[in-house]
Amino acid sequence: MRIGDLDFGAKPLFLAPMEDVTDVSFRVLCKEQGAAMVYTEFVPSEGLIRDADKAIAKMHTLPEEAPVGIQIYGHILENMVDAARMADRAAELAGGHGADVIDINFGCPVSKIAGRGAGSGMMREPDKMVAIAKAVVDAVSKPVTVKTRLGWDEDSKIIVELAERLQDVGIQALTIHGRTRCQLYRGSADWTLIGEVKNNPRMHIPIIGNGDITDGPKAKEAFDRYGVDAVMIGRASFGHPWIFREIRHYLDTGTELPPLGVTERVQLAKRHFGLSLQYKGVPRGIYEMRRHLSCYFKGLPEFKQTRMKLVTSTDVEEILDTLDYIAIKWADAPLEASNVYDI
């Protein structure tokens, strides 16, 4: 599979862009665990054009996480064009590696974004969506991709026709989440329409499937049954960055790895925590790591008190000591993969 000059090989696994999750430390860790492509958190176009420090900081990427996509969102064409040009110059503006791909977020369903007409709110204005995509493609040198959903609601699943239109204005890959905006994350993802887009004889760009991929067998079905070129993993990676290694192993061998033990999870949590402190410092690196730390050990028995200590402490050494305590106290605790993360 290729996007522009980027060659990902066969059946690659991508880390989905997720607000407050896919920061630089988590992206680096997922890359180390086998993600072929990672994406930044959503970067607001309005924030970029106002030179807001927080928005610009989200575009900071590292060479070790490449290839990496910077994802932008917004609903005003001119602002999206200006933001895309800034993303194209991310290495200059935010430092680091910059963008290998510029991705447009036409898929986020949360009210504060979709309710303003951005993200999946664009599904109600497909002509405007296509116009923004074309304007961004024409404005930048990097490959432009899009992430979107099936439609606004059950009565407006427009993705098959929309995919053709987006391709025709120059996007180089399309990620489809198999739900409508109105579904949010409820119910099951509908992969049949993703497969219909992929098997449309008019489509020639890569189609990336997203939604409910939680293990190797589900990823294999996505590739084999629906023919997608890549699979994007979102919520199942939260507190479970090694999911990429597990799925890659299954795709390559047909066998599942045993659930990762507590000792190994502690080692990964320490690695993740160290990266968070390295790139964000204290106290921010502690605060933004809390949502991850508690999820690493989901499913451990009688863990509530220790979990509270992990997510309330502001002392680096105390957190590290707590992780060491977890490795000793629960060293032999059995953990089923399905109990470890939320999807």
C-alpha atoms as a PDB file:
ATOM      1  CA  MET A   1       0.000   0.000   0.000  1.00  0.00           C
ATOM      2  CA  ARG A   2       1.229   3.485  -0.872  1.00  0.00           C
ATOM      3  CA  ILE A   3       0.260   7.058  -0.106  1.00  0.00           C
ATOM      4  CA  GLY A   4       2.222   9.305  -2.405  1.00  0.00           C
ATOM      5  CA  ASP A   5       5.855   8.214  -2.091  1.00  0.00           C
ATOM      6  CA  LEU A   6       5.248   6.421   1.218  1.00  0.00           C
ATOM      7  CA  ASP A   7       5.319   2.629   0.943  1.00  0.00           C
ATOM      8  CA  PHE A   8       3.698   0.810   3.862  1.00  0.00           C
ATOM      9  CA  GLY A   9       3.920  -2.733   2.539  1.00  0.00           C
ATOM     10  CA  ALA A  10       1.057  -5.208   2.762  1.00  0.00           C
ATOM     11  CA  LYS A  11      -1.757  -4.927   5.317  1.00  0.00           C
ATOM     12  CA  PRO A  12      -0.383  -2.077   7.433  1.00  0.00           C
ATOM     13  CA  LEU A  13      -1.848  -1.000  10.769  1.00  0.00           C
ATOM     14  CA  PHE A  14      -2.410   2.697  11.486  1.00  0.00           C
ATOM     15  CA  LEU A  15      -2.942   4.517  14.781  1.00  0.00           C
ATOM     16  CA  ALA A  16      -6.059   6.687  14.601  1.00  0.00           C
ATOM     17  CA  PRO A  17      -5.899  10.362  15.544  1.00  0.00           C
ATOM     18  CA  MET A  18      -7.562  10.834  18.952  1.00  0.00           C
ATOM     19  CA  GLU A  19      -7.892  14.032  20.928  1.00  0.00           C
ATOM     20  CA  ASP A  20      -6.107  13.929  24.303  1.00  0.00           C
ATOM     21  CA  VAL A  21      -4.691  10.496  23.434  1.00  0.00           C
ATOM     22  CA  THR A  22      -2.329  10.527  20.443  1.00  0.00           C
ATOM     23  CA  ASP A  23       0.232  12.950  21.791  1.00  0.00           C
ATOM     24  CA  VAL A  24       3.884  12.561  20.874  1.00  0.00           C
ATOM     25  CA  SER A  25       4.714  10.123  23.694  1.00  0.00           C
ATOM     26  CA  PHE A  26       1.853   7.751  22.802  1.00  0.00           C
ATOM     27  CA  ARG A  27       2.622   7.971  19.081  1.00  0.00           C
ATOM     28  CA  VAL A  28       6.268   7.056  19.631  1.00  0.00           C
ATOM     29  CA  LEU A  29       5.281   4.103  21.798  1.00  0.00           C
ATOM     30  CA  CYS A  30       2.725   2.807  19.264  1.00  0.00           C
ATOM     31  CA  LYS A  31       5.318   3.182  16.520  1.00  0.00           C
ATOM     32  CA  GLU A  32       7.735   1.081  18.557  1.00  0.00           C
ATOM     33  CA  GLN A  33       4.984  -1.518  18.974  1.00  0.00           C
ATOM     34  CA  GLY A  34       4.366  -1.873  15.237  1.00  0.00           C
ATOM     35  CA  ALA A  35       2.090   0.928  14.019  1.00  0.00           C
ATOM     36  CA  ALA A  36       3.005   1.643  10.399  1.00  0.00           C
ATOM     37  CA  MET A  37       1.530   5.153  10.475  1.00  0.00           C
ATOM     38  CA  VAL A  38       0.549   7.463  13.321  1.00  0.00           C
ATOM     39  CA  TYR A  39      -1.465  10.692  13.439  1.00  0.00           C
ATOM     40  CA  THR A  40      -1.451  13.732  15.673  1.00  0.00           C
ATOM     41  CA  GLU A  41      -4.361  14.838  17.779  1.00  0.00           C
ATOM     42  CA  PHE A  42      -6.900  17.012  15.955  1.00  0.00           C
ATOM     43  CA  VAL A  43      -5.403  20.430  15.188  1.00  0.00           C
ATOM     44  CA  PRO A  44      -8.016  23.219  14.922  1.00  0.00           C
ATOM     45  CA  SER A  45      -7.659  25.387  11.838  1.00  0.00           C
ATOM     46  CA  GLU A  46      -8.895  28.457  13.729  1.00  0.00           C
ATOM     47  CA  GLY A  47      -6.251  27.906  16.415  1.00  0.00           C
ATOM     48  CA  LEU A  48      -3.476  27.678  13.853  1.00  0.00           C
ATOM     49  CA  ILE A  49      -4.383  30.836  12.006  1.00  0.00           C
ATOM     50  CA  ARG A  50      -4.559  32.703  15.331  1.00  0.00           C
ATOM     51  CA  ASP A  51      -1.037  31.430  16.060  1.00  0.00           C
ATOM     52  CA  ALA A  52      -2.328  29.787  19.227  1.00  0.00           C
ATOM     53  CA  ASP A  53       0.586  28.104  20.967  1.00  0.00           C
ATOM     54  CA  LYS A  54      -1.406  24.987  21.893  1.00  0.00           C
ATOM     55  CA  ALA A  55      -2.520  24.365  18.306  1.00  0.00           C
ATOM     56  CA  ILE A  56       0.971  24.870  16.907  1.00  0.00           C
ATOM     57  CA  ALA A  57       2.477  22.604  19.565  1.00  0.00           C
ATOM     58  CA  LYS A  58       0.204  19.763  18.422  1.00  0.00           C
ATOM     59  CA  MET A  59       2.054  19.796  15.081  1.00  0.00           C
ATOM     60  CA  HIS A  60       5.387  18.944  16.703  1.00  0.00           C
ATOM     61  CA  THR A  61       6.454  15.498  15.529  1.00  0.00           C
ATOM     62  CA  LEU A  62       9.648  13.474  15.790  1.00  0.00           C
ATOM     63  CA  PRO A  63      11.755  11.607  13.221  1.00  0.00           C
ATOM     64  CA  GLU A  64      11.341   8.354  15.152  1.00  0.00           C
ATOM     65  CA  GLU A  65       7.561   8.379  14.700  1.00  0.00           C
ATOM     66  CA  ALA A  66       7.653   8.975  10.947  1.00  0.00           C
ATOM     67  CA  PRO A  67       5.749   8.574   8.775  1.00  0.00           C
ATOM     68  CA  VAL A  68       3.269  10.739  10.603  1.00  0.00           C
ATOM     69  CA  GLY A  69       0.124  12.564   9.562  1.00  0.00           C
ATOM     70  CA  ILE A  70      -0.945  15.933  10.922  1.00  0.00           C
ATOM     71  CA  GLN A  71      -4.734  16.076  11.106  1.00  0.00           C
ATOM     72  CA  ILE A  72      -6.553  19.396  10.820  1.00  0.00           C
ATOM     73  CA  TYR A  73     -10.234  20.240  11.211  1.00  0.00           C
ATOM     74  CA  GLY A  74     -12.545  23.169  10.632  1.00  0.00           C
ATOM     75  CA  HIS A  75     -15.535  24.287   8.604  1.00  0.00           C
ATOM     76  CA  ILE A  76     -14.354  27.515   6.940  1.00  0.00           C
ATOM     77  CA  LEU A  77     -12.644  26.893   3.600  1.00  0.00           C
ATOM     78  CA  GLU A  78     -10.184  29.781   3.777  1.00  0.00           C
ATOM     79  CA  ASN A  79      -9.132  28.888   7.323  1.00  0.00           C
ATOM     80  CA  MET A  80      -8.633  25.237   6.362  1.00  0.00           C
ATOM     81  CA  VAL A  81      -6.416  26.268   3.458  1.00  0.00           C
ATOM     82  CA  ASP A  82      -4.304  28.500   5.694  1.00  0.00           C
ATOM     83  CA  ALA A  83      -4.099  25.770   8.348  1.00  0.00           C
ATOM     84  CA  ALA A  84      -3.084  23.186   5.753  1.00  0.00           C
ATOM     85  CA  ARG A  85      -0.290  25.456   4.542  1.00  0.00           C
ATOM     86  CA  MET A  86       0.899  25.784   8.122  1.00  0.00           C
ATOM     87  CA  ALA A  87       0.780  21.990   8.563  1.00  0.00           C
ATOM     88  CA  ASP A  88       2.805  21.716   5.363  1.00  0.00           C
ATOM     89  CA  ARG A  89       5.443  23.874   7.118  1.00  0.00           C
ATOM     90  CA  ALA A  90       5.109  22.151  10.495  1.00  0.00           C
ATOM     91  CA  ALA A  91       8.808  21.379  10.809  1.00  0.00           C
ATOM     92  CA  GLU A  92       9.562  25.090  10.493  1.00  0.00           C
ATOM     93  CA  LEU A  93       6.719  26.320  12.706  1.00  0.00           C
ATOM     94  CA  ALA A  94       6.612  23.662  15.427  1.00  0.00           C
ATOM     95  CA  GLY A  95      10.038  22.067  15.134  1.00  0.00           C
ATOM     96  CA  GLY A  96      10.814  18.392  14.744  1.00  0.00           C
ATOM     97  CA  HIS A  97      10.062  16.199  11.757  1.00  0.00           C
ATOM     98  CA  GLY A  98       6.953  17.863  10.369  1.00  0.00           C
ATOM     99  CA  ALA A  99       4.211  16.121   8.390  1.00  0.00           C
ATOM    100  CA  ASP A 100       4.481  13.310   5.891  1.00  0.00           C
ATOM    101  CA  VAL A 101       0.728  13.491   5.234  1.00  0.00           C
ATOM    102  CA  ILE A 102      -1.908  16.142   5.880  1.00  0.00           C
ATOM    103  CA  ASP A 103      -5.166  14.542   6.953  1.00  0.00           C
ATOM    104  CA  ILE A 104      -8.529  16.304   7.009  1.00  0.00           C
ATOM    105  CA  ASN A 105     -10.860  15.416   9.859  1.00  0.00           C
ATOM    106  CA  PHE A 106     -14.348  14.988   8.414  1.00  0.00           C
ATOM    107  CA  GLY A 107     -15.185  12.289  10.944  1.00  0.00           C
ATOM    108  CA  CYS A 108     -15.105  13.501  14.559  1.00  0.00           C
ATOM    109  CA  PRO A 109     -18.653  13.131  15.966  1.00  0.00           C
ATOM    110  CA  VAL A 110     -18.409  15.068  19.238  1.00  0.00           C
ATOM    111  CA  SER A 111     -20.903  17.905  19.543  1.00  0.00           C
ATOM    112  CA  LYS A 112     -18.414  20.713  20.098  1.00  0.00           C
ATOM    113  CA  ILE A 113     -16.878  19.932  16.694  1.00  0.00           C
ATOM    114  CA  ALA A 114     -19.651  18.358  14.600  1.00  0.00           C
ATOM    115  CA  GLY A 115     -22.232  20.746  16.014  1.00  0.00           C
ATOM    116  CA  ARG A 116     -20.297  23.661  14.530  1.00  0.00           C
ATOM    117  CA  GLY A 117     -20.267  22.021  11.115  1.00  0.00           C
ATOM    118  CA  ALA A 118     -16.696  20.671  11.349  1.00  0.00           C
ATOM    119  CA  GLY A 119     -15.620  17.033  11.649  1.00  0.00           C
ATOM    120  CA  SER A 120     -18.512  14.735  10.777  1.00  0.00           C
ATOM    121  CA  GLY A 121     -20.767  17.774  10.732  1.00  0.00           C
ATOM    122  CA  MET A 122     -19.501  18.102   7.173  1.00  0.00           C
ATOM    123  CA  MET A 123     -21.532  15.022   6.241  1.00  0.00           C
ATOM    124  CA  ARG A 124     -24.545  17.336   6.035  1.00  0.00           C
ATOM    125  CA  GLU A 125     -22.725  19.543   3.503  1.00  0.00           C
ATOM    126  CA  PRO A 126     -20.978  17.196   1.068  1.00  0.00           C
ATOM    127  CA  ASP A 127     -20.472  19.886  -1.564  1.00  0.00           C
ATOM    128  CA  LYS A 128     -18.643  22.033   0.967  1.00  0.00           C
ATOM    129  CA  MET A 129     -16.648  19.012   2.130  1.00  0.00           C
ATOM    130  CA  VAL A 130     -15.462  18.312  -1.401  1.00  0.00           C
ATOM    131  CA  ALA A 131     -14.663  21.995  -1.966  1.00  0.00           C
ATOM    132  CA  ILE A 132     -12.520  22.132   1.180  1.00  0.00           C
ATOM    133  CA  ALA A 133     -10.711  18.923   0.205  1.00  0.00           C
ATOM    134  CA  LYS A 134      -9.943  20.304  -3.262  1.00  0.00           C
ATOM    135  CA  ALA A 135      -8.747  23.635  -1.905  1.00  0.00           C
ATOM    136  CA  VAL A 136      -6.415  21.914   0.590  1.00  0.00           C
ATOM    137  CA  VAL A 137      -5.041  19.555  -2.078  1.00  0.00           C
ATOM    138  CA  ASP A 138      -4.313  22.529  -4.332  1.00  0.00           C
ATOM    139  CA  ALA A 139      -2.650  24.500  -1.531  1.00  0.00           C
ATOM    140  CA  VAL A 140      -0.015  22.070  -0.215  1.00  0.00           C
ATOM    141  CA  SER A 141       2.829  19.895  -1.419  1.00  0.00           C
ATOM    142  CA  LYS A 142       2.266  16.954   0.943  1.00  0.00           C
ATOM    143  CA  PRO A 143      -0.209  14.156   0.179  1.00  0.00           C
ATOM    144  CA  VAL A 144      -3.681  14.992   1.462  1.00  0.00           C
ATOM    145  CA  THR A 145      -5.920  12.309   2.948  1.00  0.00           C
ATOM    146  CA  VAL A 146      -9.377  12.351   4.532  1.00  0.00           C
ATOM    147  CA  LYS A 147     -10.942  10.558   7.493  1.00  0.00           C
ATOM    148  CA  THR A 148     -14.735  10.463   7.556  1.00  0.00           C
ATOM    149  CA  ARG A 149     -17.822   8.381   8.372  1.00  0.00           C
ATOM    150  CA  LEU A 150     -20.604   6.629   6.482  1.00  0.00           C
ATOM    151  CA  GLY A 151     -22.944   9.623   6.643  1.00  0.00           C
ATOM    152  CA  TRP A 152     -24.801  11.856   9.064  1.00  0.00           C
ATOM    153  CA  ASP A 153     -27.478   9.323  10.028  1.00  0.00           C
ATOM    154  CA  GLU A 154     -29.072   6.068   8.899  1.00  0.00           C
ATOM    155  CA  ASP A 155     -31.032   7.870   6.186  1.00  0.00           C
ATOM    156  CA  SER A 156     -28.033   9.616   4.658  1.00  0.00           C
ATOM    157  CA  LYS A 157     -25.220   7.113   4.208  1.00  0.00           C
ATOM    158  CA  ILE A 158     -23.527   8.915   1.330  1.00  0.00           C
ATOM    159  CA  ILE A 159     -20.048   7.453   1.597  1.00  0.00           C
ATOM    160  CA  VAL A 160     -19.968   5.494  -1.698  1.00  0.00           C
ATOM    161  CA  GLU A 161     -20.659   8.534  -3.877  1.00  0.00           C
ATOM    162  CA  LEU A 162     -18.729  10.861  -1.573  1.00  0.00           C
ATOM    163  CA  ALA A 163     -15.624   8.684  -1.795  1.00  0.00           C
ATOM    164  CA  GLU A 164     -15.586   9.052  -5.584  1.00  0.00           C
ATOM    165  CA  ARG A 165     -15.938  12.812  -5.342  1.00  0.00           C
ATOM    166  CA  LEU A 166     -13.140  13.146  -2.804  1.00  0.00           C
ATOM    167  CA  GLN A 167     -10.878  10.977  -4.930  1.00  0.00           C
ATOM    168  CA  ASP A 168     -11.682  13.065  -7.991  1.00  0.00           C
ATOM    169  CA  VAL A 169     -10.436  16.266  -6.329  1.00  0.00           C
ATOM    170  CA  GLY A 170      -7.099  14.711  -5.462  1.00  0.00           C
ATOM    171  CA  ILE A 171      -7.063  13.138  -2.021  1.00  0.00           C
ATOM    172  CA  GLN A 172      -4.588  10.256  -1.960  1.00  0.00           C
ATOM    173  CA  ALA A 173      -6.194   7.955   0.617  1.00  0.00           C
ATOM    174  CA  LEU A 174      -9.513   7.727   2.446  1.00  0.00           C
ATOM    175  CA  THR A 175     -10.151   6.416   5.954  1.00  0.00           C
ATOM    176  CA  ILE A 176     -13.740   5.395   6.675  1.00  0.00           C
ATOM    177  CA  HIS A 177     -15.112   4.825  10.151  1.00  0.00           C
ATOM    178  CA  GLY A 178     -18.000   2.394   9.829  1.00  0.00           C
ATOM    179  CA  ARG A 179     -20.582   4.424  11.750  1.00  0.00           C
ATOM    180  CA  THR A 180     -22.701   7.479  11.088  1.00  0.00           C
ATOM    181  CA  ARG A 181     -22.242  10.672  13.034  1.00  0.00           C
ATOM    182  CA  CYS A 182     -25.490  10.109  14.909  1.00  0.00           C
ATOM    183  CA  GLN A 183     -24.272   6.718  16.095  1.00  0.00           C
ATOM    184  CA  LEU A 184     -21.264   8.311  17.777  1.00  0.00           C
ATOM    185  CA  TYR A 185     -19.551   5.107  19.015  1.00  0.00           C
ATOM    186  CA  ARG A 186     -22.715   3.161  19.753  1.00  0.00           C
ATOM    187  CA  GLY A 187     -23.620  -0.138  18.141  1.00  0.00           C
ATOM    188  CA  SER A 188     -21.349  -2.012  15.770  1.00  0.00           C
ATOM    189  CA  ALA A 189     -19.339  -0.557  12.918  1.00  0.00           C
ATOM    190  CA  ASP A 190     -20.822  -1.392   9.496  1.00  0.00           C
ATOM    191  CA  TRP A 191     -17.986  -2.654   7.342  1.00  0.00           C
ATOM    192  CA  THR A 192     -20.203  -3.581   4.397  1.00  0.00           C
ATOM    193  CA  LEU A 193     -20.225  -0.011   3.093  1.00  0.00           C
ATOM    194  CA  ILE A 194     -16.476   0.282   3.639  1.00  0.00           C
ATOM    195  CA  GLY A 195     -16.117  -2.836   1.481  1.00  0.00           C
ATOM    196  CA  GLU A 196     -18.481  -1.365  -1.109  1.00  0.00           C
ATOM    197  CA  VAL A 197     -16.272   1.706  -1.421  1.00  0.00           C
ATOM    198  CA  LYS A 198     -13.129  -0.401  -1.699  1.00  0.00           C
ATOM    199  CA  ASN A 199     -14.642  -2.676  -4.353  1.00  0.00           C
ATOM    200  CA  ASN A 200     -16.096   0.175  -6.410  1.00  0.00           C
ATOM    201  CA  PRO A 201     -14.316  -0.176  -9.789  1.00  0.00           C
ATOM    202  CA  ARG A 202     -14.020   3.613  -9.991  1.00  0.00           C
ATOM    203  CA  MET A 203     -11.909   3.792  -6.830  1.00  0.00           C
ATOM    204  CA  HIS A 204      -8.145   3.547  -7.153  1.00  0.00           C
ATOM    205  CA  ILE A 205      -6.848   5.279  -3.999  1.00  0.00           C
ATOM    206  CA  PRO A 206      -6.151   3.280  -0.808  1.00  0.00           C
ATOM    207  CA  ILE A 207      -9.140   2.697   1.457  1.00  0.00           C
ATOM    208  CA  ILE A 208      -8.384   2.437   5.182  1.00  0.00           C
ATOM    209  CA  GLY A 209     -11.003   0.786   7.379  1.00  0.00           C
ATOM    210  CA  ASN A 210     -11.713   1.897  10.931  1.00  0.00           C
ATOM    211  CA  GLY A 211     -14.102   0.758  13.641  1.00  0.00           C
ATOM    212  CA  ASP A 212     -14.200  -2.085  16.186  1.00  0.00           C
ATOM    213  CA  ILE A 213     -10.810  -3.574  15.303  1.00  0.00           C
ATOM    214  CA  THR A 214      -9.780  -5.018  18.652  1.00  0.00           C
ATOM    215  CA  ASP A 215      -7.729  -8.100  17.818  1.00  0.00           C
ATOM    216  CA  GLY A 216      -5.989 -10.087  15.097  1.00  0.00           C
ATOM    217  CA  PRO A 217      -8.995 -12.084  13.835  1.00  0.00           C
ATOM    218  CA  LYS A 218     -11.054  -8.915  13.343  1.00  0.00           C
ATOM    219  CA  ALA A 219      -8.211  -7.230  11.497  1.00  0.00           C
ATOM    220  CA  LYS A 220      -7.777 -10.296   9.286  1.00  0.00           C
ATOM    221  CA  GLU A 221     -11.480 -10.266   8.445  1.00  0.00           C
ATOM    222  CA  ALA A 222     -11.256  -6.592   7.512  1.00  0.00           C
ATOM    223  CA  PHE A 223      -8.469  -7.322   5.047  1.00  0.00           C
ATOM    224  CA  ASP A 224      -9.773 -10.618   3.693  1.00  0.00           C
ATOM    225  CA  ARG A 225     -13.523 -10.014   3.579  1.00  0.00           C
ATOM    226  CA  TYR A 226     -13.695  -6.318   2.781  1.00  0.00           C
ATOM    227  CA  GLY A 227     -10.422  -5.869   0.903  1.00  0.00           C
ATOM    228  CA  VAL A 228      -9.250  -2.699   2.648  1.00  0.00           C
ATOM    229  CA  ASP A 229      -5.683  -1.583   2.069  1.00  0.00           C
ATOM    230  CA  ALA A 230      -4.988  -0.756   5.728  1.00  0.00           C
ATOM    231  CA  VAL A 231      -6.702  -0.949   9.089  1.00  0.00           C
ATOM    232  CA  MET A 232      -6.821   1.974  11.500  1.00  0.00           C
ATOM    233  CA  ILE A 233      -7.019   1.245  15.228  1.00  0.00           C
ATOM    234  CA  GLY A 234      -8.444   3.820  17.610  1.00  0.00           C
ATOM    235  CA  ARG A 235      -9.986   3.219  21.026  1.00  0.00           C
ATOM    236  CA  ALA A 236      -8.670  -0.337  21.332  1.00  0.00           C
ATOM    237  CA  SER A 237      -5.133   1.082  21.537  1.00  0.00           C
ATOM    238  CA  PHE A 238      -5.948   3.178  24.600  1.00  0.00           C
ATOM    239  CA  GLY A 239      -4.009   1.675  27.484  1.00  0.00           C
ATOM    240  CA  HIS A 240      -2.993  -1.092  25.076  1.00  0.00           C
ATOM    241  CA  PRO A 241      -0.310   0.218  22.693  1.00  0.00           C
ATOM    242  CA  TRP A 242       1.046  -3.291  22.174  1.00  0.00           C
ATOM    243  CA  ILE A 243      -2.130  -4.140  20.217  1.00  0.00           C
ATOM    244  CA  PHE A 244      -0.201  -3.333  17.037  1.00  0.00           C
ATOM    245  CA  ARG A 245       2.393  -5.990  17.832  1.00  0.00           C
ATOM    246  CA  GLU A 246      -0.351  -8.501  18.687  1.00  0.00           C
ATOM    247  CA  ILE A 247      -2.308  -7.912  15.485  1.00  0.00           C
ATOM    248  CA  ARG A 248       0.812  -7.840  13.315  1.00  0.00           C
ATOM    249  CA  HIS A 249       1.847 -11.189  14.756  1.00  0.00           C
ATOM    250  CA  TYR A 250      -1.569 -12.685  14.030  1.00  0.00           C
ATOM    251  CA  LEU A 251      -1.625 -11.395  10.458  1.00  0.00           C
ATOM    252  CA  ASP A 252       1.876 -12.758   9.820  1.00  0.00           C
ATOM    253  CA  THR A 253       1.555 -16.122  11.587  1.00  0.00           C
ATOM    254  CA  GLY A 254      -2.134 -16.908  12.097  1.00  0.00           C
ATOM    255  CA  THR A 255      -1.543 -17.383  15.826  1.00  0.00           C
ATOM    256  CA  GLU A 256      -2.313 -15.107  18.767  1.00  0.00           C
ATOM    257  CA  LEU A 257       0.274 -13.934  21.249  1.00  0.00           C
ATOM    258  CA  PRO A 258      -0.543 -14.632  24.908  1.00  0.00           C
ATOM    259  CA  PRO A 259      -1.873 -11.647  26.868  1.00  0.00           C
ATOM    260  CA  LEU A 260       0.924  -9.379  27.998  1.00  0.00           C
ATOM    261  CA  GLY A 261       1.861 -10.008  31.617  1.00  0.00           C
ATOM    262  CA  VAL A 262       1.815  -7.428  34.368  1.00  0.00           C
ATOM    263  CA  THR A 263       5.607  -7.122  34.482  1.00  0.00           C
ATOM    264  CA  GLU A 264       5.759  -6.314  30.780  1.00  0.00           C
ATOM    265  CA  ARG A 265       2.903  -3.827  31.153  1.00  0.00           C
ATOM    266  CA  VAL A 266       4.758  -2.063  33.937  1.00  0.00           C
ATOM    267  CA  GLN A 267       7.838  -1.814  31.721  1.00  0.00           C
ATOM    268  CA  LEU A 268       5.782  -0.281  28.911  1.00  0.00           C
ATOM    269  CA  ALA A 269       4.003   2.082  31.315  1.00  0.00           C
ATOM    270  CA  LYS A 270       7.384   3.274  32.576  1.00  0.00           C
ATOM    271  CA  ARG A 271       8.580   3.782  29.012  1.00  0.00           C
ATOM    272  CA  HIS A 272       5.433   5.740  28.204  1.00  0.00           C
ATOM    273  CA  PHE A 273       5.695   7.803  31.397  1.00  0.00           C
ATOM    274  CA  GLY A 274       9.330   8.582  30.674  1.00  0.00           C
ATOM    275  CA  LEU A 275       8.478   9.812  27.190  1.00  0.00           C
ATOM    276  CA  SER A 276       5.660  11.958  28.566  1.00  0.00           C
ATOM    277  CA  LEU A 277       8.020  13.604  31.053  1.00  0.00           C
ATOM    278  CA  GLN A 278      10.717  14.012  28.403  1.00  0.00           C
ATOM    279  CA  TYR A 279       8.484  15.826  25.951  1.00  0.00           C
ATOM    280  CA  LYS A 280       6.136  17.672  28.322  1.00  0.00           C
ATOM    281  CA  GLY A 281       7.984  18.071  31.588  1.00  0.00           C
ATOM    282  CA  VAL A 282       6.542  18.273  35.088  1.00  0.00           C
ATOM    283  CA  PRO A 283       3.702  18.661  35.964  1.00  0.00           C
ATOM    284  CA  ARG A 284       2.083  18.511  32.512  1.00  0.00           C
ATOM    285  CA  GLY A 285       3.708  15.195  31.651  1.00  0.00           C
ATOM    286  CA  ILE A 286       2.194  13.725  34.838  1.00  0.00           C
ATOM    287  CA  TYR A 287      -1.292  15.134  34.333  1.00  0.00           C
ATOM    288  CA  GLU A 288      -1.566  14.033  30.717  1.00  0.00           C
ATOM    289  CA  MET A 289      -0.245  10.558  31.511  1.00  0.00           C
ATOM    290  CA  ARG A 290      -2.959   9.787  34.075  1.00  0.00           C
ATOM    291  CA  ARG A 291      -5.581   8.760  31.540  1.00  0.00           C
ATOM    292  CA  HIS A 292      -3.127   6.231  30.140  1.00  0.00           C
ATOM    293  CA  LEU A 293      -1.676   4.841  33.362  1.00  0.00           C
ATOM    294  CA  SER A 294      -4.948   3.614  34.788  1.00  0.00           C
ATOM    295  CA  CYS A 295      -5.808   1.778  31.588  1.00  0.00           C
ATOM    296  CA  TYR A 296      -2.587  -0.215  31.446  1.00  0.00           C
ATOM    297  CA  PHE A 297      -3.813  -2.347  34.322  1.00  0.00           C
ATOM    298  CA  LYS A 298      -7.535  -2.557  33.696  1.00  0.00           C
ATOM    299  CA  GLY A 299      -8.846  -5.872  34.954  1.00  0.00           C
ATOM    300  CA  LEU A 300      -6.472  -6.364  37.890  1.00  0.00           C
ATOM    301  CA  PRO A 301      -8.286  -7.579  41.015  1.00  0.00           C
ATOM    302  CA  GLU A 302      -8.531  -5.297  44.057  1.00  0.00           C
ATOM    303  CA  PHE A 303      -6.776  -2.534  42.161  1.00  0.00           C
ATOM    304  CA  LYS A 304      -8.957   0.487  42.989  1.00  0.00           C
ATOM    305  CA  GLN A 305      -6.798   1.955  45.746  1.00  0.00           C
ATOM    306  CA  THR A 306      -3.596   1.555  43.740  1.00  0.00           C
ATOM    307  CA  ARG A 307      -5.252   3.000  40.660  1.00  0.00           C
ATOM    308  CA  MET A 308      -6.288   6.082  42.636  1.00  0.00           C
ATOM    309  CA  LYS A 309      -2.704   6.538  43.745  1.00  0.00           C
ATOM    310  CA  LEU A 310      -1.513   6.358  40.141  1.00  0.00           C
ATOM    311  CA  VAL A 311      -3.965   8.972  38.912  1.00  0.00           C
ATOM    312  CA  THR A 312      -3.696  11.445  41.803  1.00  0.00           C
ATOM    313  CA  SER A 313       0.005  11.544  42.640  1.00  0.00           C
ATOM    314  CA  THR A 314       2.007  14.540  41.434  1.00  0.00           C
ATOM    315  CA  ASP A 315       5.378  13.090  42.417  1.00  0.00           C
ATOM    316  CA  VAL A 316       7.431  11.328  39.737  1.00  0.00           C
ATOM    317  CA  GLU A 317       9.243   9.020  42.159  1.00  0.00           C
ATOM    318  CA  GLU A 318       6.015   8.046  43.907  1.00  0.00           C
ATOM    319  CA  ILE A 319       4.451   7.083  40.573  1.00  0.00           C
ATOM    320  CA  LEU A 320       7.495   5.031  39.614  1.00  0.00           C
ATOM    321  CA  ASP A 321       7.474   3.340  43.030  1.00  0.00           C
ATOM    322  CA  THR A 322       3.773   2.551  42.586  1.00  0.00           C
ATOM    323  CA  LEU A 323       4.501   0.952  39.221  1.00  0.00           C
ATOM    324  CA  ASP A 324       7.233  -1.161  40.825  1.00  0.00           C
ATOM    325  CA  TYR A 325       4.756  -2.171  43.530  1.00  0.00           C
ATOM    326  CA  ILE A 326       2.258  -3.261  40.863  1.00  0.00           C
ATOM    327  CA  ALA A 327       4.914  -5.409  39.190  1.00  0.00           C
ATOM    328  CA  ILE A 328       5.591  -7.212  42.479  1.00  0.00           C
ATOM    329  CA  LYS A 329       2.104  -7.489  43.966  1.00  0.00           C
ATOM    330  CA  TRP A 330       0.312  -8.596  40.766  1.00  0.00           C
ATOM    331  CA  ALA A 331       3.229 -10.322  39.053  1.00  0.00           C
ATOM    332  CA  ASP A 332       1.311 -13.566  38.562  1.00  0.00           C
ATOM    333  CA  ALA A 333      -2.167 -12.120  38.126  1.00  0.00           C
ATOM    334  CA  PRO A 334      -3.960 -13.527  35.053  1.00  0.00           C
ATOM    335  CA  LEU A 335      -5.194 -10.921  32.583  1.00  0.00           C
ATOM    336  CA  GLU A 336      -7.497 -11.549  29.691  1.00  0.00           C
ATOM    337  CA  ALA A 337      -6.905  -9.213  26.767  1.00  0.00           C
ATOM    338  CA  SER A 338     -10.602  -8.323  26.592  1.00  0.00           C
ATOM    339  CA  ASN A 339     -10.515  -7.006  30.165  1.00  0.00           C
ATOM    340  CA  VAL A 340      -7.681  -4.600  29.657  1.00  0.00           C
ATOM    341  CA  TYR A 341      -9.055  -1.809  27.507  1.00  0.00           C
ATOM    342  CA  ASP A 342     -12.264  -0.090  26.521  1.00  0.00           C
ATOM    343  CA  ILE A 343     -13.394  -0.041  22.908  1.00  0.00           C
END
